C-alpha atoms as a PDB file:
ATOM      1  CA  GLY A   1     -58.990 -12.731  59.360  1.00  0.00           C
ATOM      2  CA  ALA A   2     -55.851 -11.057  58.483  1.00  0.00           C
ATOM      3  CA  TRP A   3     -52.804 -12.739  56.654  1.00  0.00           C
ATOM      4  CA  ALA A   4     -49.619 -12.062  57.583  1.00  0.00           C
ATOM      5  CA  VAL A   5     -45.690 -13.697  56.603  1.00  0.00           C
ATOM      6  CA  LEU A   6     -44.018 -14.616  59.692  1.00  0.00           C
ATOM      7  CA  GLU A   7     -41.547 -16.430  58.110  1.00  0.00           C
ATOM      8  CA  TYR A   8     -39.664 -16.983  54.286  1.00  0.00           C
ATOM      9  CA  GLN A   9     -36.828 -18.688  52.791  1.00  0.00           C
ATOM     10  CA  LEU A  10     -34.270 -16.700  50.735  1.00  0.00           C
ATOM     11  CA  PHE A  11     -31.986 -18.331  48.348  1.00  0.00           C
ATOM     12  CA  TYR A  12     -28.612 -16.990  47.379  1.00  0.00           C
ATOM     13  CA  ARG A  13     -25.905 -18.402  45.541  1.00  0.00           C
ATOM     14  CA  ARG A  14     -23.239 -19.659  47.522  1.00  0.00           C
ATOM     15  CA  ARG A  15     -20.639 -17.427  45.544  1.00  0.00           C
ATOM     16  CA  TYR A  16     -22.756 -14.459  46.705  1.00  0.00           C
ATOM     17  CA  ALA A  17     -23.157 -15.040  49.753  1.00  0.00           C
ATOM     18  CA  GLU A  18     -19.242 -15.316  50.089  1.00  0.00           C
ATOM     19  CA  ALA A  19     -18.740 -12.122  48.391  1.00  0.00           C
ATOM     20  CA  ALA A  20     -20.795 -10.144  50.740  1.00  0.00           C
ATOM     21  CA  PHE A  21     -19.599 -11.280  53.805  1.00  0.00           C
ATOM     22  CA  ALA A  22     -16.071 -10.889  52.387  1.00  0.00           C
ATOM     23  CA  SER A  23     -16.816  -7.512  52.218  1.00  0.00           C
ATOM     24  CA  CYS A  24     -17.638  -6.948  55.500  1.00  0.00           C
ATOM     25  CA  GLN A  25     -15.316  -8.949  57.175  1.00  0.00           C
ATOM     26  CA  GLY A  26     -12.692  -6.498  57.285  1.00  0.00           C
ATOM     27  CA  VAL A  27     -14.715  -3.300  58.083  1.00  0.00           C
ATOM     28  CA  ARG A  28     -14.026  -1.958  61.552  1.00  0.00           C
ATOM     29  CA  LEU A  29     -16.592   0.216  63.873  1.00  0.00           C
ATOM     30  CA  PRO A  30     -14.490   3.979  64.334  1.00  0.00           C
ATOM     31  CA  ALA A  31     -16.398   4.188  67.993  1.00  0.00           C
ATOM     32  CA  THR A  32     -14.674   0.744  69.581  1.00  0.00           C
ATOM     33  CA  GLY A  33     -12.012  -0.237  66.484  1.00  0.00           C
ATOM     34  CA  GLY A  34     -13.456  -3.461  66.652  1.00  0.00           C
ATOM     35  CA  TYR A  35     -14.942  -5.505  63.932  1.00  0.00           C
ATOM     36  CA  ALA A  36     -18.455  -4.834  62.845  1.00  0.00           C
ATOM     37  CA  ILE A  37     -18.851  -8.195  61.852  1.00  0.00           C
ATOM     38  CA  SER A  38     -18.232  -9.272  65.220  1.00  0.00           C
ATOM     39  CA  THR A  39     -21.461  -7.429  65.984  1.00  0.00           C
ATOM     40  CA  MET A  40     -23.189  -9.337  62.928  1.00  0.00           C
ATOM     41  CA  CYS A  41     -22.544 -12.336  63.778  1.00  0.00           C
ATOM     42  CA  GLY A  42     -24.311 -13.121  67.305  1.00  0.00           C
ATOM     43  CA  ARG A  43     -22.644 -15.783  69.426  1.00  0.00           C
ATOM     44  CA  TYR A  44     -20.020 -16.546  67.111  1.00  0.00           C
ATOM     45  CA  GLY A  45     -18.315 -13.392  67.184  1.00  0.00           C
ATOM     46  CA  ALA A  46     -15.733 -11.904  64.356  1.00  0.00           C
ATOM     47  CA  GLN A  47     -13.295 -15.019  64.808  1.00  0.00           C
ATOM     48  CA  LEU A  48     -15.704 -18.064  63.949  1.00  0.00           C
ATOM     49  CA  CYS A  49     -18.090 -15.944  61.853  1.00  0.00           C
ATOM     50  CA  THR A  50     -19.041 -17.399  58.074  1.00  0.00           C
ATOM     51  CA  ALA A  51     -21.158 -16.517  55.456  1.00  0.00           C
ATOM     52  CA  GLN A  52     -23.802 -19.161  56.516  1.00  0.00           C
ATOM     53  CA  ARG A  53     -23.114 -17.921  60.849  1.00  0.00           C
ATOM     54  CA  TRP A  54     -23.794 -14.279  59.388  1.00  0.00           C
ATOM     55  CA  LEU A  55     -26.931 -14.632  57.534  1.00  0.00           C
ATOM     56  CA  ASP A  56     -28.381 -17.097  59.910  1.00  0.00           C
ATOM     57  CA  PHE A  57     -27.990 -14.260  62.776  1.00  0.00           C
ATOM     58  CA  GLN A  58     -29.183 -11.484  60.329  1.00  0.00           C
ATOM     59  CA  GLY A  59     -31.920 -13.778  59.902  1.00  0.00           C
ATOM     60  CA  ASP A  60     -32.939 -14.661  63.375  1.00  0.00           C
ATOM     61  CA  LYS A  61     -35.812 -12.664  64.703  1.00  0.00           C
ATOM     62  CA  ASN A  62     -34.744 -13.475  68.169  1.00  0.00           C
ATOM     63  CA  ASN A  63     -31.519 -10.971  67.311  1.00  0.00           C
ATOM     64  CA  GLY A  64     -33.842  -7.484  68.271  1.00  0.00           C
ATOM     65  CA  LEU A  65     -33.587  -6.224  64.429  1.00  0.00           C
ATOM     66  CA  ALA A  66     -35.267  -8.787  61.993  1.00  0.00           C
ATOM     67  CA  PRO A  67     -38.776  -8.250  61.786  1.00  0.00           C
ATOM     68  CA  LEU A  68     -39.246 -11.699  60.847  1.00  0.00           C
ATOM     69  CA  GLN A  69     -37.829 -15.181  60.766  1.00  0.00           C
ATOM     70  CA  ILE A  70     -35.770 -15.358  57.235  1.00  0.00           C
ATOM     71  CA  ASP A  71     -34.198 -18.972  56.386  1.00  0.00           C
ATOM     72  CA  PHE A  72     -31.290 -18.202  54.338  1.00  0.00           C
ATOM     73  CA  GLN A  73     -30.373 -21.092  52.029  1.00  0.00           C
ATOM     74  CA  LEU A  74     -27.092 -20.918  50.481  1.00  0.00           C
ATOM     75  CA  LEU A  75     -26.870 -23.128  46.910  1.00  0.00           C
ATOM     76  CA  PRO A  76     -24.034 -24.390  45.237  1.00  0.00           C
ATOM     77  CA  ASN A  77     -23.014 -21.925  42.702  1.00  0.00           C
ATOM     78  CA  GLY A  78     -24.564 -22.835  39.152  1.00  0.00           C
ATOM     79  CA  SER A  79     -28.217 -24.298  40.541  1.00  0.00           C
ATOM     80  CA  GLU A  80     -31.087 -22.656  40.815  1.00  0.00           C
ATOM     81  CA  PRO A  81     -33.379 -23.005  43.266  1.00  0.00           C
ATOM     82  CA  GLY A  82     -36.414 -25.956  43.317  1.00  0.00           C
END
């Protein structure tokens, strides 16, 4: 039989995830004037979105965009996976 990856874990340092989230947080969509993050955080919208919620939505195979399930693990700063 054929093998396929259906899900994987991705490890980010919390500092990196927070910085990536912060860089997107203030971006507005020209067509609507609303925040882009509101469409990238699922049920939480822009108001309640956090870096973890943002990544969780990005990796959710049920969001209609992710090709497979991605489990984002945020590591304390200075630590390594494993």
